[in-house]
Amino acid sequence: MATEACRQEEQVKLLGWPRSPFLMRVRLALSLKGIHYEFIEDDSENKSELLLKSNPVHKKVPVLFHNGKIVCESMIIVQYIDETWDTNAPNLMPKDPYDRAIARFWAAFVDDKGEKQQKAVEESLANFLLLENALRASSCSGNAYFGGHEIGFADIALGGLLVSINAIQKITNMVLIDREKMPLLCAWIDRFSQIDLVTEILPDPAKVLDRLTNQRAKFTSALAGN
C-alpha cells in the first residue's frame, strides 16, 4: 500500500491499479484540486475483497472512499470531486449550464469511443477527427483546452488515456492520432503532457506498453487455441 499525506479532517482514500488509465483521471482531479489522499493499491489479476465489496456491480477500479462514502466509475468520481471541493480551484466543470452539458458530452464521447476502439481499432481515426473538430471550435473562442483556459472535465477524460493510446499505436503499428490531419489535437496533447502535475501522475509509458503487449499476446494465444 502506498500512502500520501491525508488531512485529518478529510478521510479520502483511492483504490486502484497503478497503471490503470481510469485511475489516472481521478488522480489528476485530486491533484488539480489539491486534495491529499491515501492510495490503496489493488491487484488487477487478483481482485481484493475490498474492491469486490466496494464495487459489486462492475468490480472495477477506481473506487473513491470519502468519509465513509463510496463512489465508483472514474468520471463520476471526477465530477464528485469537483462538486465536493467546489471552493478549490480550478473548477473542472464550467459554471454555465450549457458549457457543462458540452463538457459531459465530450467526456461521454471519449468513454463510448474508447470501448469501441477495443473492438475495432479502425474506427479510432474518425473518432479522433471528431475531437479535432471539437478543439477547433474551442480554439476559435481562444481556449487552449476542451474545458477552456484551464484543464477541465473533458480534458481529464481524454488525458487519462493518453499513455494507453500511445501504447496501442505502437502495438498495432497504426497511426491513430495523425499530426497532419489533427494538428490541434496533437498540440493539445503536447500542452497537456508538459504540465508538471500531469507528468508526475501519468504512468511509465514503457510499463504500460509492456502490460498491453502481454495482454494482447495472451488474447492472441487464446484465440489460436480455439
C-alpha atoms as a PDB file:
ATOM      1  CA  MET A   1       0.000   0.000   0.000  1.00  0.00           C
ATOM      2  CA  ALA A   2       1.348   3.412  -0.944  1.00  0.00           C
ATOM      3  CA  THR A   3       0.257   6.273   1.293  1.00  0.00           C
ATOM      4  CA  GLU A   4       0.126  10.007   0.690  1.00  0.00           C
ATOM      5  CA  ALA A   5      -0.389  12.558   3.456  1.00  0.00           C
ATOM      6  CA  CYS A   6      -4.071  12.805   4.273  1.00  0.00           C
ATOM      7  CA  ARG A   7      -5.758  15.690   6.084  1.00  0.00           C
ATOM      8  CA  GLN A   8      -7.221  14.615   9.401  1.00  0.00           C
ATOM      9  CA  GLU A   9     -10.459  16.490   8.764  1.00  0.00           C
ATOM     10  CA  GLU A  10     -10.999  14.640   5.478  1.00  0.00           C
ATOM     11  CA  GLN A  11     -10.712  10.888   5.121  1.00  0.00           C
ATOM     12  CA  VAL A  12     -10.036  10.366   1.434  1.00  0.00           C
ATOM     13  CA  LYS A  13      -8.846   7.037   0.060  1.00  0.00           C
ATOM     14  CA  LEU A  14      -8.425   5.883  -3.524  1.00  0.00           C
ATOM     15  CA  LEU A  15      -8.437   2.230  -4.553  1.00  0.00           C
ATOM     16  CA  GLY A  16      -6.903   1.344  -7.895  1.00  0.00           C
ATOM     17  CA  TRP A  17      -4.380  -0.375 -10.114  1.00  0.00           C
ATOM     18  CA  PRO A  18      -1.266   1.802 -10.523  1.00  0.00           C
ATOM     19  CA  ARG A  19      -1.239   1.809 -14.334  1.00  0.00           C
ATOM     20  CA  SER A  20      -4.977   1.986 -14.921  1.00  0.00           C
ATOM     21  CA  PRO A  21      -5.798   4.898 -17.285  1.00  0.00           C
ATOM     22  CA  PHE A  22      -9.088   5.350 -15.447  1.00  0.00           C
ATOM     23  CA  LEU A  23      -7.271   5.688 -12.138  1.00  0.00           C
ATOM     24  CA  MET A  24      -5.149   8.417 -13.772  1.00  0.00           C
ATOM     25  CA  ARG A  25      -8.280  10.503 -14.322  1.00  0.00           C
ATOM     26  CA  VAL A  26      -9.110  10.504 -10.630  1.00  0.00           C
ATOM     27  CA  ARG A  27      -5.526  11.146  -9.563  1.00  0.00           C
ATOM     28  CA  LEU A  28      -5.393  14.107 -11.941  1.00  0.00           C
ATOM     29  CA  ALA A  29      -8.599  15.545 -10.490  1.00  0.00           C
ATOM     30  CA  LEU A  30      -7.451  15.096  -6.881  1.00  0.00           C
ATOM     31  CA  SER A  31      -4.078  16.667  -7.601  1.00  0.00           C
ATOM     32  CA  LEU A  32      -5.555  19.599  -9.524  1.00  0.00           C
ATOM     33  CA  LYS A  33      -7.844  20.277  -6.571  1.00  0.00           C
ATOM     34  CA  GLY A  34      -5.005  19.874  -4.074  1.00  0.00           C
ATOM     35  CA  ILE A  35      -6.719  17.019  -2.230  1.00  0.00           C
ATOM     36  CA  HIS A  36      -4.459  14.770  -0.146  1.00  0.00           C
ATOM     37  CA  TYR A  37      -5.452  11.125  -0.057  1.00  0.00           C
ATOM     38  CA  GLU A  38      -4.363   7.617   0.805  1.00  0.00           C
ATOM     39  CA  PHE A  39      -3.748   5.369  -2.182  1.00  0.00           C
ATOM     40  CA  ILE A  40      -4.635   1.690  -1.779  1.00  0.00           C
ATOM     41  CA  GLU A  41      -3.098  -0.485  -4.475  1.00  0.00           C
ATOM     42  CA  ASP A  42      -5.188  -3.366  -5.787  1.00  0.00           C
ATOM     43  CA  ASP A  43      -4.153  -6.314  -7.958  1.00  0.00           C
ATOM     44  CA  SER A  44      -5.726  -6.483 -11.418  1.00  0.00           C
ATOM     45  CA  GLU A  45      -5.044 -10.225 -11.603  1.00  0.00           C
ATOM     46  CA  ASN A  46      -6.380 -10.997  -8.129  1.00  0.00           C
ATOM     47  CA  LYS A  47      -9.082  -8.517  -7.162  1.00  0.00           C
ATOM     48  CA  SER A  48      -9.252  -7.769  -3.459  1.00  0.00           C
ATOM     49  CA  GLU A  49     -12.220  -8.341  -1.193  1.00  0.00           C
ATOM     50  CA  LEU A  50     -12.290  -4.571  -0.634  1.00  0.00           C
ATOM     51  CA  LEU A  51     -12.818  -3.958  -4.363  1.00  0.00           C
ATOM     52  CA  LEU A  52     -15.475  -6.674  -4.711  1.00  0.00           C
ATOM     53  CA  LYS A  53     -17.395  -5.273  -1.742  1.00  0.00           C
ATOM     54  CA  SER A  54     -16.959  -1.627  -2.724  1.00  0.00           C
ATOM     55  CA  ASN A  55     -17.947  -2.037  -6.375  1.00  0.00           C
ATOM     56  CA  PRO A  56     -20.023  -5.241  -6.520  1.00  0.00           C
ATOM     57  CA  VAL A  57     -21.732  -4.249  -9.788  1.00  0.00           C
ATOM     58  CA  HIS A  58     -18.739  -3.714 -12.105  1.00  0.00           C
ATOM     59  CA  LYS A  59     -15.921  -4.989  -9.857  1.00  0.00           C
ATOM     60  CA  LYS A  60     -13.574  -2.406 -11.380  1.00  0.00           C
ATOM     61  CA  VAL A  61     -11.287   0.352 -10.180  1.00  0.00           C
ATOM     62  CA  PRO A  62     -11.075   3.177  -9.400  1.00  0.00           C
ATOM     63  CA  VAL A  63     -13.089   3.473  -6.205  1.00  0.00           C
ATOM     64  CA  LEU A  64     -13.083   6.592  -4.040  1.00  0.00           C
ATOM     65  CA  PHE A  65     -13.772   6.491  -0.310  1.00  0.00           C
ATOM     66  CA  HIS A  66     -14.668   9.839   1.266  1.00  0.00           C
ATOM     67  CA  ASN A  67     -15.612   9.977   4.927  1.00  0.00           C
ATOM     68  CA  GLY A  68     -17.213   6.528   4.691  1.00  0.00           C
ATOM     69  CA  LYS A  69     -18.972   7.170   1.368  1.00  0.00           C
ATOM     70  CA  ILE A  70     -18.097   5.087  -1.704  1.00  0.00           C
ATOM     71  CA  VAL A  71     -18.028   6.495  -5.247  1.00  0.00           C
ATOM     72  CA  CYS A  72     -17.309   4.365  -8.352  1.00  0.00           C
ATOM     73  CA  GLU A  73     -16.647   4.977 -12.072  1.00  0.00           C
ATOM     74  CA  SER A  74     -13.822   7.356 -12.985  1.00  0.00           C
ATOM     75  CA  MET A  75     -15.708  10.305 -14.484  1.00  0.00           C
ATOM     76  CA  ILE A  76     -18.457  10.112 -11.859  1.00  0.00           C
ATOM     77  CA  ILE A  77     -15.692  10.319  -9.254  1.00  0.00           C
ATOM     78  CA  VAL A  78     -14.134  13.311 -11.059  1.00  0.00           C
ATOM     79  CA  GLN A  79     -17.450  15.139 -11.008  1.00  0.00           C
ATOM     80  CA  TYR A  80     -17.941  14.232  -7.339  1.00  0.00           C
ATOM     81  CA  ILE A  81     -14.504  15.662  -6.535  1.00  0.00           C
ATOM     82  CA  ASP A  82     -15.278  18.887  -8.373  1.00  0.00           C
ATOM     83  CA  GLU A  83     -18.613  19.365  -6.616  1.00  0.00           C
ATOM     84  CA  THR A  84     -17.432  18.303  -3.160  1.00  0.00           C
ATOM     85  CA  TRP A  85     -14.387  20.584  -3.150  1.00  0.00           C
ATOM     86  CA  ASP A  86     -16.045  23.336  -5.188  1.00  0.00           C
ATOM     87  CA  THR A  87     -14.091  26.075  -3.405  1.00  0.00           C
ATOM     88  CA  ASN A  88     -10.773  24.566  -4.508  1.00  0.00           C
ATOM     89  CA  ALA A  89      -9.508  25.921  -7.826  1.00  0.00           C
ATOM     90  CA  PRO A  90      -9.628  25.062 -10.640  1.00  0.00           C
ATOM     91  CA  ASN A  91     -13.249  24.334 -11.467  1.00  0.00           C
ATOM     92  CA  LEU A  92     -13.233  21.133 -13.517  1.00  0.00           C
ATOM     93  CA  MET A  93     -16.782  21.730 -14.717  1.00  0.00           C
ATOM     94  CA  PRO A  94     -17.829  25.068 -16.267  1.00  0.00           C
ATOM     95  CA  LYS A  95     -20.235  27.317 -14.375  1.00  0.00           C
ATOM     96  CA  ASP A  96     -22.533  27.815 -17.349  1.00  0.00           C
ATOM     97  CA  PRO A  97     -25.149  25.006 -17.713  1.00  0.00           C
ATOM     98  CA  TYR A  98     -24.687  24.802 -21.490  1.00  0.00           C
ATOM     99  CA  ASP A  99     -20.900  24.577 -21.185  1.00  0.00           C
ATOM    100  CA  ARG A 100     -21.323  21.862 -18.530  1.00  0.00           C
ATOM    101  CA  ALA A 101     -23.544  19.908 -20.914  1.00  0.00           C
ATOM    102  CA  ILE A 102     -20.886  20.171 -23.647  1.00  0.00           C
ATOM    103  CA  ALA A 103     -18.160  19.008 -21.237  1.00  0.00           C
ATOM    104  CA  ARG A 104     -20.255  15.990 -20.213  1.00  0.00           C
ATOM    105  CA  PHE A 105     -20.977  15.206 -23.860  1.00  0.00           C
ATOM    106  CA  TRP A 106     -17.293  15.058 -24.842  1.00  0.00           C
ATOM    107  CA  ALA A 107     -16.333  13.115 -21.726  1.00  0.00           C
ATOM    108  CA  ALA A 108     -19.065  10.560 -22.522  1.00  0.00           C
ATOM    109  CA  PHE A 109     -17.906  10.501 -26.156  1.00  0.00           C
ATOM    110  CA  VAL A 110     -14.352   9.612 -25.084  1.00  0.00           C
ATOM    111  CA  ASP A 111     -15.610   6.762 -22.893  1.00  0.00           C
ATOM    112  CA  ASP A 112     -18.018   5.421 -25.519  1.00  0.00           C
ATOM    113  CA  LYS A 113     -15.465   5.517 -28.321  1.00  0.00           C
ATOM    114  CA  GLY A 114     -12.812   4.049 -26.026  1.00  0.00           C
ATOM    115  CA  GLU A 115     -14.895   0.901 -25.737  1.00  0.00           C
ATOM    116  CA  LYS A 116     -15.318   0.746 -29.498  1.00  0.00           C
ATOM    117  CA  GLN A 117     -11.576   1.093 -30.063  1.00  0.00           C
ATOM    118  CA  GLN A 118     -11.032  -2.198 -28.262  1.00  0.00           C
ATOM    119  CA  LYS A 119     -13.473  -3.886 -30.630  1.00  0.00           C
ATOM    120  CA  ALA A 120     -12.409  -2.167 -33.841  1.00  0.00           C
ATOM    121  CA  VAL A 121      -9.269  -0.031 -33.803  1.00  0.00           C
ATOM    122  CA  GLU A 122     -10.048   1.103 -37.345  1.00  0.00           C
ATOM    123  CA  GLU A 123     -12.872   3.308 -36.064  1.00  0.00           C
ATOM    124  CA  SER A 124     -10.468   5.350 -33.960  1.00  0.00           C
ATOM    125  CA  LEU A 125      -9.305   7.678 -36.709  1.00  0.00           C
ATOM    126  CA  ALA A 126     -12.804   9.041 -37.314  1.00  0.00           C
ATOM    127  CA  ASN A 127     -13.358   9.401 -33.575  1.00  0.00           C
ATOM    128  CA  PHE A 128     -10.180  11.412 -33.067  1.00  0.00           C
ATOM    129  CA  LEU A 129     -11.080  13.609 -36.030  1.00  0.00           C
ATOM    130  CA  LEU A 130     -14.291  14.490 -34.207  1.00  0.00           C
ATOM    131  CA  LEU A 131     -12.230  15.507 -31.191  1.00  0.00           C
ATOM    132  CA  GLU A 132     -10.051  17.595 -33.516  1.00  0.00           C
ATOM    133  CA  ASN A 133     -13.175  19.422 -34.677  1.00  0.00           C
ATOM    134  CA  ALA A 134     -14.263  19.958 -31.083  1.00  0.00           C
ATOM    135  CA  LEU A 135     -10.906  21.554 -30.287  1.00  0.00           C
ATOM    136  CA  ARG A 136     -11.193  23.711 -33.394  1.00  0.00           C
ATOM    137  CA  ALA A 137     -14.499  25.054 -32.106  1.00  0.00           C
ATOM    138  CA  SER A 138     -12.937  25.624 -28.693  1.00  0.00           C
ATOM    139  CA  SER A 139      -9.801  27.289 -30.083  1.00  0.00           C
ATOM    140  CA  CYS A 140     -11.965  29.718 -32.048  1.00  0.00           C
ATOM    141  CA  SER A 141     -13.020  31.012 -28.649  1.00  0.00           C
ATOM    142  CA  GLY A 142      -9.382  31.385 -27.631  1.00  0.00           C
ATOM    143  CA  ASN A 143      -9.349  28.289 -25.439  1.00  0.00           C
ATOM    144  CA  ALA A 144      -6.306  26.041 -25.031  1.00  0.00           C
ATOM    145  CA  TYR A 145      -8.258  23.081 -23.632  1.00  0.00           C
ATOM    146  CA  PHE A 146     -11.609  21.390 -24.094  1.00  0.00           C
ATOM    147  CA  GLY A 147     -12.648  22.965 -20.812  1.00  0.00           C
ATOM    148  CA  GLY A 148     -11.492  26.499 -21.661  1.00  0.00           C
ATOM    149  CA  HIS A 149      -8.292  28.185 -20.498  1.00  0.00           C
ATOM    150  CA  GLU A 150      -7.638  25.500 -17.863  1.00  0.00           C
ATOM    151  CA  ILE A 151      -7.818  21.704 -17.758  1.00  0.00           C
ATOM    152  CA  GLY A 152     -11.415  20.621 -17.281  1.00  0.00           C
ATOM    153  CA  PHE A 153     -13.727  17.617 -17.192  1.00  0.00           C
ATOM    154  CA  ALA A 154     -13.307  16.525 -20.837  1.00  0.00           C
ATOM    155  CA  ASP A 155      -9.535  17.107 -20.732  1.00  0.00           C
ATOM    156  CA  ILE A 156      -9.225  14.718 -17.784  1.00  0.00           C
ATOM    157  CA  ALA A 157     -11.411  12.136 -19.560  1.00  0.00           C
ATOM    158  CA  LEU A 158      -9.083  12.017 -22.573  1.00  0.00           C
ATOM    159  CA  GLY A 159      -5.833  12.873 -20.793  1.00  0.00           C
ATOM    160  CA  GLY A 160      -6.018   9.876 -18.502  1.00  0.00           C
ATOM    161  CA  LEU A 161      -5.989   7.593 -21.554  1.00  0.00           C
ATOM    162  CA  LEU A 162      -3.078   9.168 -23.449  1.00  0.00           C
ATOM    163  CA  VAL A 163      -0.354   6.761 -22.341  1.00  0.00           C
ATOM    164  CA  SER A 164      -2.544   3.781 -23.255  1.00  0.00           C
ATOM    165  CA  ILE A 165      -3.449   5.326 -26.616  1.00  0.00           C
ATOM    166  CA  ASN A 166       0.237   5.796 -27.457  1.00  0.00           C
ATOM    167  CA  ALA A 167       0.931   2.200 -26.456  1.00  0.00           C
ATOM    168  CA  ILE A 168      -1.931   0.938 -28.651  1.00  0.00           C
ATOM    169  CA  GLN A 169      -0.494   2.845 -31.612  1.00  0.00           C
ATOM    170  CA  LYS A 170       2.862   1.110 -31.133  1.00  0.00           C
ATOM    171  CA  ILE A 171       1.384  -2.359 -30.611  1.00  0.00           C
ATOM    172  CA  THR A 172      -0.941  -2.165 -33.614  1.00  0.00           C
ATOM    173  CA  ASN A 173       1.549  -0.210 -35.746  1.00  0.00           C
ATOM    174  CA  MET A 174      -1.245   2.200 -36.594  1.00  0.00           C
ATOM    175  CA  VAL A 175      -1.308   5.997 -36.530  1.00  0.00           C
ATOM    176  CA  LEU A 176      -4.496   6.857 -34.661  1.00  0.00           C
ATOM    177  CA  ILE A 177      -3.606  10.492 -33.991  1.00  0.00           C
ATOM    178  CA  ASP A 178      -2.075  11.992 -37.123  1.00  0.00           C
ATOM    179  CA  ARG A 179      -0.166  15.274 -36.730  1.00  0.00           C
ATOM    180  CA  GLU A 180      -1.018  16.389 -40.265  1.00  0.00           C
ATOM    181  CA  LYS A 181      -4.714  15.637 -40.004  1.00  0.00           C
ATOM    182  CA  MET A 182      -5.105  16.537 -36.324  1.00  0.00           C
ATOM    183  CA  PRO A 183      -2.740  19.429 -35.554  1.00  0.00           C
ATOM    184  CA  LEU A 184      -4.950  20.896 -32.829  1.00  0.00           C
ATOM    185  CA  LEU A 185      -5.383  17.564 -31.044  1.00  0.00           C
ATOM    186  CA  CYS A 186      -1.622  16.957 -31.205  1.00  0.00           C
ATOM    187  CA  ALA A 187      -0.950  20.462 -29.880  1.00  0.00           C
ATOM    188  CA  TRP A 188      -3.410  19.781 -27.051  1.00  0.00           C
ATOM    189  CA  ILE A 189      -1.597  16.504 -26.249  1.00  0.00           C
ATOM    190  CA  ASP A 190       1.732  18.347 -26.164  1.00  0.00           C
ATOM    191  CA  ARG A 191       0.371  21.054 -23.837  1.00  0.00           C
ATOM    192  CA  PHE A 192      -1.344  18.548 -21.577  1.00  0.00           C
ATOM    193  CA  SER A 193       1.652  16.212 -21.397  1.00  0.00           C
ATOM    194  CA  GLN A 194       4.078  19.003 -20.493  1.00  0.00           C
ATOM    195  CA  ILE A 195       2.209  20.089 -17.372  1.00  0.00           C
ATOM    196  CA  ASP A 196       4.325  19.158 -14.343  1.00  0.00           C
ATOM    197  CA  LEU A 197       1.370  17.819 -12.380  1.00  0.00           C
ATOM    198  CA  VAL A 198       0.403  15.577 -15.291  1.00  0.00           C
ATOM    199  CA  THR A 199       3.908  14.176 -15.827  1.00  0.00           C
ATOM    200  CA  GLU A 200       4.101  13.311 -12.132  1.00  0.00           C
ATOM    201  CA  ILE A 201       0.859  11.303 -12.263  1.00  0.00           C
ATOM    202  CA  LEU A 202       0.740   9.553 -15.639  1.00  0.00           C
ATOM    203  CA  PRO A 203       2.238   6.024 -15.571  1.00  0.00           C
ATOM    204  CA  ASP A 204       5.548   4.958 -17.062  1.00  0.00           C
ATOM    205  CA  PRO A 205       4.883   4.515 -20.821  1.00  0.00           C
ATOM    206  CA  ALA A 206       7.303   1.566 -21.038  1.00  0.00           C
ATOM    207  CA  LYS A 207       5.446  -0.341 -18.305  1.00  0.00           C
ATOM    208  CA  VAL A 208       2.062   0.355 -19.894  1.00  0.00           C
ATOM    209  CA  LEU A 209       3.384  -0.795 -23.285  1.00  0.00           C
ATOM    210  CA  ASP A 210       4.731  -3.980 -21.712  1.00  0.00           C
ATOM    211  CA  ARG A 211       1.434  -4.709 -19.931  1.00  0.00           C
ATOM    212  CA  LEU A 212      -0.704  -4.152 -23.040  1.00  0.00           C
ATOM    213  CA  THR A 213       1.701  -6.191 -25.172  1.00  0.00           C
ATOM    214  CA  ASN A 214       1.413  -9.102 -22.747  1.00  0.00           C
ATOM    215  CA  GLN A 215      -2.370  -8.784 -22.668  1.00  0.00           C
ATOM    216  CA  ARG A 216      -2.519  -8.850 -26.455  1.00  0.00           C
ATOM    217  CA  ALA A 217      -0.234 -11.905 -26.587  1.00  0.00           C
ATOM    218  CA  LYS A 218      -2.475 -13.770 -24.126  1.00  0.00           C
ATOM    219  CA  PHE A 219      -5.576 -12.829 -26.112  1.00  0.00           C
ATOM    220  CA  THR A 220      -3.986 -13.903 -29.417  1.00  0.00           C
ATOM    221  CA  SER A 221      -2.825 -17.171 -27.884  1.00  0.00           C
ATOM    222  CA  ALA A 222      -6.304 -17.882 -26.534  1.00  0.00           C
ATOM    223  CA  LEU A 223      -7.821 -17.298 -29.968  1.00  0.00           C
ATOM    224  CA  ALA A 224      -5.275 -19.594 -31.586  1.00  0.00           C
ATOM    225  CA  GLY A 225      -6.179 -22.324 -29.126  1.00  0.00           C
ATOM    226  CA  ASN A 226      -9.889 -22.217 -30.023  1.00  0.00           C
END
